[in-house]
PDB file of all heavy atoms in Angstrom:
ATOM      1  N   GLY A   1       9.376  14.665 -11.711  1.00  0.00           N
ATOM      2  CA  GLY A   1       9.490  15.418 -12.936  1.00  0.00           C
ATOM      3  C   GLY A   1       9.564  16.901 -12.691  1.00  0.00           C
ATOM      4  O   GLY A   1       9.783  17.350 -11.563  1.00  0.00           O
ATOM      5  N   LEU A   2       9.369  17.657 -13.747  1.00  0.00           N
ATOM      6  CA  LEU A   2       9.403  19.115 -13.696  1.00  0.00           C
ATOM      7  C   LEU A   2       7.983  19.654 -13.696  1.00  0.00           C
ATOM      8  O   LEU A   2       7.158  19.254 -14.524  1.00  0.00           O
ATOM      9  CB  LEU A   2      10.179  19.659 -14.897  1.00  0.00           C
ATOM     10  CG  LEU A   2      10.238  21.168 -15.054  1.00  0.00           C
ATOM     11  CD1 LEU A   2      11.002  21.797 -13.898  1.00  0.00           C
ATOM     12  CD2 LEU A   2      10.888  21.523 -16.386  1.00  0.00           C
ATOM     13  N   VAL A   3       7.706  20.557 -12.774  1.00  0.00           N
ATOM     14  CA  VAL A   3       6.378  21.145 -12.670  1.00  0.00           C
ATOM     15  C   VAL A   3       6.505  22.609 -12.276  1.00  0.00           C
ATOM     16  O   VAL A   3       7.457  22.995 -11.597  1.00  0.00           O
ATOM     17  CB  VAL A   3       5.514  20.367 -11.645  1.00  0.00           C
ATOM     18  CG1 VAL A   3       6.106  20.490 -10.245  1.00  0.00           C
ATOM     19  CG2 VAL A   3       4.074  20.835 -11.665  1.00  0.00           C
ATOM     20  N   GLN A   4       5.564  23.417 -12.712  1.00  0.00           N
ATOM     21  CA  GLN A   4       5.570  24.831 -12.360  1.00  0.00           C
ATOM     22  C   GLN A   4       5.043  25.046 -10.953  1.00  0.00           C
ATOM     23  O   GLN A   4       4.240  24.266 -10.448  1.00  0.00           O
ATOM     24  CB  GLN A   4       4.726  25.634 -13.348  1.00  0.00           C
ATOM     25  CG  GLN A   4       5.304  25.727 -14.745  1.00  0.00           C
ATOM     26  CD  GLN A   4       4.486  26.620 -15.652  1.00  0.00           C
ATOM     27  OE1 GLN A   4       3.255  26.562 -15.644  1.00  0.00           O
ATOM     28  NE2 GLN A   4       5.160  27.439 -16.434  1.00  0.00           N
ATOM     29  N   ALA A   5       5.503  26.101 -10.312  1.00  0.00           N
ATOM     30  CA  ALA A   5       5.010  26.453  -8.986  1.00  0.00           C
ATOM     31  C   ALA A   5       3.490  26.578  -9.017  1.00  0.00           C
ATOM     32  O   ALA A   5       2.917  27.144  -9.947  1.00  0.00           O
ATOM     33  CB  ALA A   5       5.645  27.752  -8.511  1.00  0.00           C
ATOM     34  N   GLY A   6       2.852  26.030  -7.985  1.00  0.00           N
ATOM     35  CA  GLY A   6       1.405  26.018  -7.915  1.00  0.00           C
ATOM     36  C   GLY A   6       0.777  24.781  -8.508  1.00  0.00           C
ATOM     37  O   GLY A   6      -0.419  24.534  -8.320  1.00  0.00           O
ATOM     38  N   GLY A   7       1.571  23.992  -9.207  1.00  0.00           N
ATOM     39  CA  GLY A   7       1.081  22.787  -9.840  1.00  0.00           C
ATOM     40  C   GLY A   7       1.066  21.595  -8.905  1.00  0.00           C
ATOM     41  O   GLY A   7       1.373  21.704  -7.723  1.00  0.00           O
ATOM     42  N   SER A   8       0.724  20.443  -9.468  1.00  0.00           N
ATOM     43  CA  SER A   8       0.607  19.210  -8.692  1.00  0.00           C
ATOM     44  C   SER A   8       1.407  18.085  -9.319  1.00  0.00           C
ATOM     45  O   SER A   8       1.675  18.084 -10.529  1.00  0.00           O
ATOM     46  CB  SER A   8      -0.859  18.783  -8.593  1.00  0.00           C
ATOM     47  OG  SER A   8      -1.648  19.745  -7.924  1.00  0.00           O
ATOM     48  N   LEU A   9       1.770  17.137  -8.487  1.00  0.00           N
ATOM     49  CA  LEU A   9       2.511  15.968  -8.925  1.00  0.00           C
ATOM     50  C   LEU A   9       2.198  14.834  -7.961  1.00  0.00           C
ATOM     51  O   LEU A   9       2.013  15.071  -6.764  1.00  0.00           O
ATOM     52  CB  LEU A   9       4.006  16.272  -8.937  1.00  0.00           C
ATOM     53  CG  LEU A   9       4.925  15.477  -9.868  1.00  0.00           C
ATOM     54  CD1 LEU A   9       4.520  15.681 -11.320  1.00  0.00           C
ATOM     55  CD2 LEU A   9       6.370  15.909  -9.652  1.00  0.00           C
ATOM     56  N   ARG A  10       2.134  13.617  -8.470  1.00  0.00           N
ATOM     57  CA  ARG A  10       1.901  12.465  -7.617  1.00  0.00           C
ATOM     58  C   ARG A  10       3.054  11.480  -7.744  1.00  0.00           C
ATOM     59  O   ARG A  10       3.372  11.018  -8.843  1.00  0.00           O
ATOM     60  CB  ARG A  10       0.589  11.761  -7.972  1.00  0.00           C
ATOM     61  CG  ARG A  10       0.243  10.628  -7.005  1.00  0.00           C
ATOM     62  CD  ARG A  10      -1.100  10.014  -7.329  1.00  0.00           C
ATOM     63  NE  ARG A  10      -1.065   9.264  -8.570  1.00  0.00           N
ATOM     64  CZ  ARG A  10      -2.123   8.678  -9.126  1.00  0.00           C
ATOM     65  NH1 ARG A  10      -3.309   8.789  -8.533  1.00  0.00           N
ATOM     66  NH2 ARG A  10      -2.001   8.018 -10.250  1.00  0.00           N
ATOM     67  N   LEU A  11       3.657  11.167  -6.622  1.00  0.00           N
ATOM     68  CA  LEU A  11       4.729  10.194  -6.577  1.00  0.00           C
ATOM     69  C   LEU A  11       4.177   8.844  -6.145  1.00  0.00           C
ATOM     70  O   LEU A  11       3.231   8.772  -5.362  1.00  0.00           O
ATOM     71  CB  LEU A  11       5.824  10.626  -5.602  1.00  0.00           C
ATOM     72  CG  LEU A  11       6.438  12.009  -5.822  1.00  0.00           C
ATOM     73  CD1 LEU A  11       7.552  12.244  -4.808  1.00  0.00           C
ATOM     74  CD2 LEU A  11       6.952  12.157  -7.239  1.00  0.00           C
ATOM     75  N   SER A  12       4.780   7.791  -6.647  1.00  0.00           N
ATOM     76  CA  SER A  12       4.367   6.454  -6.279  1.00  0.00           C
ATOM     77  C   SER A  12       5.590   5.639  -5.887  1.00  0.00           C
ATOM     78  O   SER A  12       6.680   5.844  -6.418  1.00  0.00           O
ATOM     79  CB  SER A  12       3.641   5.776  -7.441  1.00  0.00           C
ATOM     80  OG  SER A  12       3.199   4.485  -7.086  1.00  0.00           O
ATOM     81  N   CYS A  13       5.402   4.738  -4.951  1.00  0.00           N
ATOM     82  CA  CYS A  13       6.466   3.849  -4.516  1.00  0.00           C
ATOM     83  C   CYS A  13       5.935   2.427  -4.545  1.00  0.00           C
ATOM     84  O   CYS A  13       4.963   2.112  -3.853  1.00  0.00           O
ATOM     85  CB  CYS A  13       6.932   4.227  -3.110  1.00  0.00           C
ATOM     86  SG  CYS A  13       8.208   3.145  -2.420  1.00  0.00           S
ATOM     87  N   ALA A  14       6.564   1.589  -5.349  1.00  0.00           N
ATOM     88  CA  ALA A  14       6.176   0.192  -5.449  1.00  0.00           C
ATOM     89  C   ALA A  14       7.126  -0.650  -4.605  1.00  0.00           C
ATOM     90  O   ALA A  14       8.341  -0.520  -4.713  1.00  0.00           O
ATOM     91  CB  ALA A  14       6.211  -0.269  -6.899  1.00  0.00           C
ATOM     92  N   ALA A  15       6.563  -1.505  -3.776  1.00  0.00           N
ATOM     93  CA  ALA A  15       7.345  -2.329  -2.875  1.00  0.00           C
ATOM     94  C   ALA A  15       7.250  -3.796  -3.254  1.00  0.00           C
ATOM     95  O   ALA A  15       6.175  -4.293  -3.596  1.00  0.00           O
ATOM     96  CB  ALA A  15       6.880  -2.144  -1.437  1.00  0.00           C
ATOM     97  N   SER A  16       8.376  -4.462  -3.194  1.00  0.00           N
ATOM     98  CA  SER A  16       8.405  -5.909  -3.362  1.00  0.00           C
ATOM     99  C   SER A  16       8.715  -6.523  -2.012  1.00  0.00           C
ATOM    100  O   SER A  16       9.616  -6.070  -1.300  1.00  0.00           O
ATOM    101  CB  SER A  16       9.443  -6.326  -4.400  1.00  0.00           C
ATOM    102  OG  SER A  16      10.748  -5.978  -3.989  1.00  0.00           O
ATOM    103  N   GLY A  17       7.972  -7.543  -1.666  1.00  0.00           N
ATOM    104  CA  GLY A  17       8.152  -8.174  -0.378  1.00  0.00           C
ATOM    105  C   GLY A  17       6.853  -8.798   0.084  1.00  0.00           C
ATOM    106  O   GLY A  17       5.772  -8.336  -0.293  1.00  0.00           O
ATOM    107  N   ARG A  18       6.973  -9.781   0.916  1.00  0.00           N
ATOM    108  CA  ARG A  18       5.793 -10.525   1.340  1.00  0.00           C
ATOM    109  C   ARG A  18       5.143  -9.976   2.604  1.00  0.00           C
ATOM    110  O   ARG A  18       4.101 -10.482   3.009  1.00  0.00           O
ATOM    111  CB  ARG A  18       6.154 -11.996   1.536  1.00  0.00           C
ATOM    112  CG  ARG A  18       7.385 -12.239   2.378  1.00  0.00           C
ATOM    113  CD  ARG A  18       7.746 -13.723   2.393  1.00  0.00           C
ATOM    114  NE  ARG A  18       9.033 -13.955   3.024  1.00  0.00           N
ATOM    115  CZ  ARG A  18       9.213 -14.074   4.324  1.00  0.00           C
ATOM    116  NH1 ARG A  18       8.179 -13.962   5.146  1.00  0.00           N
ATOM    117  NH2 ARG A  18      10.428 -14.294   4.811  1.00  0.00           N
ATOM    118  N   THR A  19       5.752  -8.977   3.216  1.00  0.00           N
ATOM    119  CA  THR A  19       5.227  -8.415   4.455  1.00  0.00           C
ATOM    120  C   THR A  19       5.092  -6.900   4.386  1.00  0.00           C
ATOM    121  O   THR A  19       5.339  -6.208   5.367  1.00  0.00           O
ATOM    122  CB  THR A  19       6.113  -8.800   5.647  1.00  0.00           C
ATOM    123  OG1 THR A  19       7.452  -8.360   5.412  1.00  0.00           O
ATOM    124  CG2 THR A  19       6.095 -10.300   5.881  1.00  0.00           C
ATOM    125  N   PHE A  20       4.674  -6.377   3.246  1.00  0.00           N
ATOM    126  CA  PHE A  20       4.557  -4.941   3.063  1.00  0.00           C
ATOM    127  C   PHE A  20       3.665  -4.300   4.119  1.00  0.00           C
ATOM    128  O   PHE A  20       3.980  -3.230   4.652  1.00  0.00           O
ATOM    129  CB  PHE A  20       4.018  -4.629   1.668  1.00  0.00           C
ATOM    130  CG  PHE A  20       3.760  -3.170   1.431  1.00  0.00           C
ATOM    131  CD1 PHE A  20       4.802  -2.284   1.269  1.00  0.00           C
ATOM    132  CD2 PHE A  20       2.462  -2.683   1.369  1.00  0.00           C
ATOM    133  CE1 PHE A  20       4.571  -0.931   1.048  1.00  0.00           C
ATOM    134  CE2 PHE A  20       2.211  -1.334   1.145  1.00  0.00           C
ATOM    135  CZ  PHE A  20       3.273  -0.463   0.987  1.00  0.00           C
ATOM    136  N   SER A  21       2.556  -4.944   4.430  1.00  0.00           N
ATOM    137  CA  SER A  21       1.599  -4.369   5.362  1.00  0.00           C
ATOM    138  C   SER A  21       2.135  -4.272   6.785  1.00  0.00           C
ATOM    139  O   SER A  21       1.535  -3.587   7.619  1.00  0.00           O
ATOM    140  CB  SER A  21       0.296  -5.175   5.361  1.00  0.00           C
ATOM    141  OG  SER A  21       0.521  -6.504   5.791  1.00  0.00           O
ATOM    142  N   SER A  22       3.237  -4.926   7.081  1.00  0.00           N
ATOM    143  CA  SER A  22       3.814  -4.869   8.417  1.00  0.00           C
ATOM    144  C   SER A  22       4.733  -3.667   8.604  1.00  0.00           C
ATOM    145  O   SER A  22       5.226  -3.445   9.712  1.00  0.00           O
ATOM    146  CB  SER A  22       4.582  -6.155   8.724  1.00  0.00           C
ATOM    147  OG  SER A  22       5.743  -6.262   7.926  1.00  0.00           O
ATOM    148  N   TYR A  23       4.960  -2.897   7.550  1.00  0.00           N
ATOM    149  CA  TYR A  23       5.861  -1.752   7.612  1.00  0.00           C
ATOM    150  C   TYR A  23       5.107  -0.434   7.584  1.00  0.00           C
ATOM    151  O   TYR A  23       4.184  -0.246   6.793  1.00  0.00           O
ATOM    152  CB  TYR A  23       6.829  -1.768   6.427  1.00  0.00           C
ATOM    153  CG  TYR A  23       7.850  -2.874   6.481  1.00  0.00           C
ATOM    154  CD1 TYR A  23       7.574  -4.118   5.928  1.00  0.00           C
ATOM    155  CD2 TYR A  23       9.081  -2.665   7.076  1.00  0.00           C
ATOM    156  CE1 TYR A  23       8.510  -5.138   5.986  1.00  0.00           C
ATOM    157  CE2 TYR A  23      10.020  -3.680   7.131  1.00  0.00           C
ATOM    158  CZ  TYR A  23       9.739  -4.911   6.583  1.00  0.00           C
ATOM    159  OH  TYR A  23      10.670  -5.920   6.629  1.00  0.00           O
ATOM    160  N   ALA A  24       5.514   0.464   8.459  1.00  0.00           N
ATOM    161  CA  ALA A  24       5.120   1.856   8.304  1.00  0.00           C
ATOM    162  C   ALA A  24       5.933   2.415   7.147  1.00  0.00           C
ATOM    163  O   ALA A  24       7.082   2.016   6.931  1.00  0.00           O
ATOM    164  CB  ALA A  24       5.398   2.642   9.583  1.00  0.00           C
ATOM    165  N   MET A  25       5.346   3.327   6.385  1.00  0.00           N
ATOM    166  CA  MET A  25       6.023   3.879   5.217  1.00  0.00           C
ATOM    167  C   MET A  25       6.185   5.383   5.365  1.00  0.00           C
ATOM    168  O   MET A  25       5.321   6.063   5.914  1.00  0.00           O
ATOM    169  CB  MET A  25       5.241   3.569   3.946  1.00  0.00           C
ATOM    170  CG  MET A  25       5.080   2.086   3.655  1.00  0.00           C
ATOM    171  SD  MET A  25       6.663   1.264   3.307  1.00  0.00           S
ATOM    172  CE  MET A  25       7.174   2.137   1.818  1.00  0.00           C
ATOM    173  N   GLY A  26       7.290   5.881   4.853  1.00  0.00           N
ATOM    174  CA  GLY A  26       7.547   7.300   4.928  1.00  0.00           C
ATOM    175  C   GLY A  26       8.104   7.847   3.635  1.00  0.00           C
ATOM    176  O   GLY A  26       8.641   7.108   2.803  1.00  0.00           O
ATOM    177  N   TRP A  27       7.956   9.148   3.465  1.00  0.00           N
ATOM    178  CA  TRP A  27       8.583   9.878   2.377  1.00  0.00           C
ATOM    179  C   TRP A  27       9.551  10.896   2.962  1.00  0.00           C
ATOM    180  O   TRP A  27       9.205  11.611   3.914  1.00  0.00           O
ATOM    181  CB  TRP A  27       7.559  10.600   1.509  1.00  0.00           C
ATOM    182  CG  TRP A  27       6.783   9.720   0.583  1.00  0.00           C
ATOM    183  CD1 TRP A  27       5.563   9.170   0.803  1.00  0.00           C
ATOM    184  CD2 TRP A  27       7.190   9.297  -0.726  1.00  0.00           C
ATOM    185  NE1 TRP A  27       5.172   8.434  -0.282  1.00  0.00           N
ATOM    186  CE2 TRP A  27       6.150   8.487  -1.238  1.00  0.00           C
ATOM    187  CE3 TRP A  27       8.317   9.519  -1.514  1.00  0.00           C
ATOM    188  CZ2 TRP A  27       6.205   7.905  -2.500  1.00  0.00           C
ATOM    189  CZ3 TRP A  27       8.381   8.934  -2.768  1.00  0.00           C
ATOM    190  CH2 TRP A  27       7.342   8.148  -3.254  1.00  0.00           C
ATOM    191  N   PHE A  28      10.738  10.953   2.405  1.00  0.00           N
ATOM    192  CA  PHE A  28      11.753  11.934   2.769  1.00  0.00           C
ATOM    193  C   PHE A  28      12.210  12.640   1.512  1.00  0.00           C
ATOM    194  O   PHE A  28      11.991  12.153   0.399  1.00  0.00           O
ATOM    195  CB  PHE A  28      12.942  11.250   3.444  1.00  0.00           C
ATOM    196  CG  PHE A  28      12.648  10.698   4.812  1.00  0.00           C
ATOM    197  CD1 PHE A  28      11.950   9.517   4.965  1.00  0.00           C
ATOM    198  CD2 PHE A  28      13.084  11.369   5.945  1.00  0.00           C
ATOM    199  CE1 PHE A  28      11.675   8.996   6.214  1.00  0.00           C
ATOM    200  CE2 PHE A  28      12.817  10.863   7.212  1.00  0.00           C
ATOM    201  CZ  PHE A  28      12.118   9.679   7.343  1.00  0.00           C
ATOM    202  N   ARG A  29      12.862  13.774   1.683  1.00  0.00           N
ATOM    203  CA  ARG A  29      13.409  14.478   0.532  1.00  0.00           C
ATOM    204  C   ARG A  29      14.755  15.079   0.891  1.00  0.00           C
ATOM    205  O   ARG A  29      15.052  15.348   2.045  1.00  0.00           O
ATOM    206  CB  ARG A  29      12.451  15.556   0.030  1.00  0.00           C
ATOM    207  CG  ARG A  29      12.228  16.708   1.001  1.00  0.00           C
ATOM    208  CD  ARG A  29      11.129  17.626   0.477  1.00  0.00           C
ATOM    209  NE  ARG A  29      10.924  18.774   1.339  1.00  0.00           N
ATOM    210  CZ  ARG A  29       9.943  19.662   1.187  1.00  0.00           C
ATOM    211  NH1 ARG A  29       9.073  19.519   0.190  1.00  0.00           N
ATOM    212  NH2 ARG A  29       9.838  20.685   2.028  1.00  0.00           N
ATOM    213  N   GLN A  30      15.562  15.293  -0.139  1.00  0.00           N
ATOM    214  CA  GLN A  30      16.877  15.870   0.065  1.00  0.00           C
ATOM    215  C   GLN A  30      17.241  16.763  -1.117  1.00  0.00           C
ATOM    216  O   GLN A  30      17.268  16.309  -2.255  1.00  0.00           O
ATOM    217  CB  GLN A  30      17.931  14.779   0.237  1.00  0.00           C
ATOM    218  CG  GLN A  30      19.296  15.313   0.599  1.00  0.00           C
ATOM    219  CD  GLN A  30      20.263  14.213   1.008  1.00  0.00           C
ATOM    220  OE1 GLN A  30      20.143  13.074   0.561  1.00  0.00           O
ATOM    221  NE2 GLN A  30      21.199  14.543   1.867  1.00  0.00           N
ATOM    222  N   ALA A  31      17.509  18.012  -0.815  1.00  0.00           N
ATOM    223  CA  ALA A  31      17.962  18.965  -1.811  1.00  0.00           C
ATOM    224  C   ALA A  31      19.480  19.055  -1.755  1.00  0.00           C
ATOM    225  O   ALA A  31      20.086  18.775  -0.718  1.00  0.00           O
ATOM    226  CB  ALA A  31      17.340  20.336  -1.558  1.00  0.00           C
ATOM    227  N   PRO A  32      20.129  19.447  -2.857  1.00  0.00           N
ATOM    228  CA  PRO A  32      21.586  19.557  -2.865  1.00  0.00           C
ATOM    229  C   PRO A  32      22.096  20.460  -1.748  1.00  0.00           C
ATOM    230  O   PRO A  32      21.584  21.562  -1.543  1.00  0.00           O
ATOM    231  CB  PRO A  32      21.886  20.159  -4.241  1.00  0.00           C
ATOM    232  CG  PRO A  32      20.753  19.705  -5.089  1.00  0.00           C
ATOM    233  CD  PRO A  32      19.551  19.757  -4.177  1.00  0.00           C
ATOM    234  N   GLY A  33      23.084  19.982  -1.015  1.00  0.00           N
ATOM    235  CA  GLY A  33      23.672  20.760   0.059  1.00  0.00           C
ATOM    236  C   GLY A  33      22.879  20.770   1.345  1.00  0.00           C
ATOM    237  O   GLY A  33      23.283  21.431   2.309  1.00  0.00           O
ATOM    238  N   LYS A  34      21.763  20.066   1.384  1.00  0.00           N
ATOM    239  CA  LYS A  34      20.935  20.031   2.578  1.00  0.00           C
ATOM    240  C   LYS A  34      20.804  18.612   3.118  1.00  0.00           C
ATOM    241  O   LYS A  34      21.034  17.639   2.399  1.00  0.00           O
ATOM    242  CB  LYS A  34      19.544  20.599   2.285  1.00  0.00           C
ATOM    243  CG  LYS A  34      19.528  22.079   1.926  1.00  0.00           C
ATOM    244  CD  LYS A  34      18.105  22.591   1.788  1.00  0.00           C
ATOM    245  CE  LYS A  34      18.072  24.074   1.503  1.00  0.00           C
ATOM    246  NZ  LYS A  34      16.682  24.582   1.389  1.00  0.00           N
ATOM    247  N   GLU A  35      20.447  18.526   4.387  1.00  0.00           N
ATOM    248  CA  GLU A  35      20.212  17.229   5.009  1.00  0.00           C
ATOM    249  C   GLU A  35      18.899  16.640   4.529  1.00  0.00           C
ATOM    250  O   GLU A  35      17.980  17.357   4.141  1.00  0.00           O
ATOM    251  CB  GLU A  35      20.196  17.369   6.530  1.00  0.00           C
ATOM    252  CG  GLU A  35      21.515  17.805   7.144  1.00  0.00           C
ATOM    253  CD  GLU A  35      22.584  16.761   6.989  1.00  0.00           C
ATOM    254  OE1 GLU A  35      22.290  15.565   7.196  1.00  0.00           O
ATOM    255  OE2 GLU A  35      23.722  17.124   6.661  1.00  0.00           O
ATOM    256  N   ARG A  36      18.823  15.329   4.562  1.00  0.00           N
ATOM    257  CA  ARG A  36      17.578  14.665   4.229  1.00  0.00           C
ATOM    258  C   ARG A  36      16.535  15.010   5.283  1.00  0.00           C
ATOM    259  O   ARG A  36      16.815  14.958   6.483  1.00  0.00           O
ATOM    260  CB  ARG A  36      17.796  13.153   4.159  1.00  0.00           C
ATOM    261  CG  ARG A  36      16.577  12.368   3.718  1.00  0.00           C
ATOM    262  CD  ARG A  36      16.965  10.971   3.291  1.00  0.00           C
ATOM    263  NE  ARG A  36      17.667  10.257   4.333  1.00  0.00           N
ATOM    264  CZ  ARG A  36      18.306   9.110   4.145  1.00  0.00           C
ATOM    265  NH1 ARG A  36      18.335   8.555   2.945  1.00  0.00           N
ATOM    266  NH2 ARG A  36      18.922   8.522   5.156  1.00  0.00           N
ATOM    267  N   GLU A  37      15.342  15.370   4.850  1.00  0.00           N
ATOM    268  CA  GLU A  37      14.307  15.774   5.782  1.00  0.00           C
ATOM    269  C   GLU A  37      13.033  14.966   5.600  1.00  0.00           C
ATOM    270  O   GLU A  37      12.694  14.519   4.504  1.00  0.00           O
ATOM    271  CB  GLU A  37      13.998  17.271   5.646  1.00  0.00           C
ATOM    272  CG  GLU A  37      13.382  17.673   4.318  1.00  0.00           C
ATOM    273  CD  GLU A  37      12.964  19.124   4.283  1.00  0.00           C
ATOM    274  OE1 GLU A  37      12.747  19.728   5.351  1.00  0.00           O
ATOM    275  OE2 GLU A  37      12.855  19.671   3.160  1.00  0.00           O
ATOM    276  N   PHE A  38      12.325  14.820   6.690  1.00  0.00           N
ATOM    277  CA  PHE A  38      11.079  14.088   6.714  1.00  0.00           C
ATOM    278  C   PHE A  38       9.984  14.861   6.003  1.00  0.00           C
ATOM    279  O   PHE A  38       9.892  16.085   6.114  1.00  0.00           O
ATOM    280  CB  PHE A  38      10.671  13.820   8.165  1.00  0.00           C
ATOM    281  CG  PHE A  38       9.281  13.296   8.331  1.00  0.00           C
ATOM    282  CD1 PHE A  38       8.986  11.974   8.051  1.00  0.00           C
ATOM    283  CD2 PHE A  38       8.270  14.127   8.767  1.00  0.00           C
ATOM    284  CE1 PHE A  38       7.703  11.486   8.205  1.00  0.00           C
ATOM    285  CE2 PHE A  38       6.983  13.654   8.931  1.00  0.00           C
ATOM    286  CZ  PHE A  38       6.707  12.327   8.646  1.00  0.00           C
ATOM    287  N   VAL A  39       9.139  14.137   5.271  1.00  0.00           N
ATOM    288  CA  VAL A  39       8.009  14.738   4.577  1.00  0.00           C
ATOM    289  C   VAL A  39       6.684  14.227   5.134  1.00  0.00           C
ATOM    290  O   VAL A  39       5.836  15.003   5.562  1.00  0.00           O
ATOM    291  CB  VAL A  39       8.071  14.472   3.060  1.00  0.00           C
ATOM    292  CG1 VAL A  39       6.828  15.019   2.361  1.00  0.00           C
ATOM    293  CG2 VAL A  39       9.333  15.084   2.470  1.00  0.00           C
ATOM    294  N   ALA A  40       6.496  12.909   5.119  1.00  0.00           N
ATOM    295  CA  ALA A  40       5.234  12.333   5.557  1.00  0.00           C
ATOM    296  C   ALA A  40       5.419  10.865   5.885  1.00  0.00           C
ATOM    297  O   ALA A  40       6.340  10.216   5.390  1.00  0.00           O
ATOM    298  CB  ALA A  40       4.159  12.494   4.476  1.00  0.00           C
ATOM    299  N   ALA A  41       4.531  10.332   6.718  1.00  0.00           N
ATOM    300  CA  ALA A  41       4.566   8.917   7.065  1.00  0.00           C
ATOM    301  C   ALA A  41       3.154   8.389   7.230  1.00  0.00           C
ATOM    302  O   ALA A  41       2.220   9.151   7.514  1.00  0.00           O
ATOM    303  CB  ALA A  41       5.359   8.692   8.353  1.00  0.00           C
ATOM    304  N   ILE A  42       3.002   7.089   7.057  1.00  0.00           N
ATOM    305  CA  ILE A  42       1.702   6.451   7.181  1.00  0.00           C
ATOM    306  C   ILE A  42       1.868   5.119   7.889  1.00  0.00           C
ATOM    307  O   ILE A  42       2.814   4.371   7.633  1.00  0.00           O
ATOM    308  CB  ILE A  42       1.032   6.287   5.790  1.00  0.00           C
ATOM    309  CG1 ILE A  42      -0.401   5.784   5.928  1.00  0.00           C
ATOM    310  CG2 ILE A  42       1.864   5.378   4.881  1.00  0.00           C
ATOM    311  CD1 ILE A  42      -1.210   5.920   4.632  1.00  0.00           C
ATOM    312  N   TRP A  43       0.936   4.835   8.790  1.00  0.00           N
ATOM    313  CA  TRP A  43       0.996   3.624   9.576  1.00  0.00           C
ATOM    314  C   TRP A  43       0.726   2.384   8.726  1.00  0.00           C
ATOM    315  O   TRP A  43       0.237   2.480   7.591  1.00  0.00           O
ATOM    316  CB  TRP A  43       0.000   3.713  10.743  1.00  0.00           C
ATOM    317  CG  TRP A  43       0.042   2.583  11.718  1.00  0.00           C
ATOM    318  CD1 TRP A  43      -0.974   1.758  12.092  1.00  0.00           C
ATOM    319  CD2 TRP A  43       1.195   2.125  12.452  1.00  0.00           C
ATOM    320  NE1 TRP A  43      -0.549   0.836  13.001  1.00  0.00           N
ATOM    321  CE2 TRP A  43       0.772   1.034  13.244  1.00  0.00           C
ATOM    322  CE3 TRP A  43       2.527   2.535  12.519  1.00  0.00           C
ATOM    323  CZ2 TRP A  43       1.653   0.352  14.080  1.00  0.00           C
ATOM    324  CZ3 TRP A  43       3.398   1.851  13.352  1.00  0.00           C
ATOM    325  CH2 TRP A  43       2.947   0.773  14.127  1.00  0.00           C
ATOM    326  N   ARG A  44       1.039   1.227   9.284  1.00  0.00           N
ATOM    327  CA  ARG A  44       0.933  -0.032   8.550  1.00  0.00           C
ATOM    328  C   ARG A  44      -0.426  -0.252   7.898  1.00  0.00           C
ATOM    329  O   ARG A  44      -0.509  -0.647   6.732  1.00  0.00           O
ATOM    330  CB  ARG A  44       1.251  -1.205   9.483  1.00  0.00           C
ATOM    331  CG  ARG A  44       2.697  -1.231   9.970  1.00  0.00           C
ATOM    332  CD  ARG A  44       2.915  -2.350  10.957  1.00  0.00           C
ATOM    333  NE  ARG A  44       2.190  -2.123  12.200  1.00  0.00           N
ATOM    334  CZ  ARG A  44       2.194  -2.950  13.227  1.00  0.00           C
ATOM    335  NH1 ARG A  44       2.873  -4.098  13.160  1.00  0.00           N
ATOM    336  NH2 ARG A  44       1.504  -2.661  14.315  1.00  0.00           N
TER     337      ARG A  44
END
């Protein structure tokens, strides 16, 4: 969504699948005209 500088936001990702816990998960972001970049990752 839209938020002012200095503010907070929480993103959520819901996964469907029977082996979710077997996957490491990551967040990436991409701004217009820029390459997709890594943000954060978490182990299984």
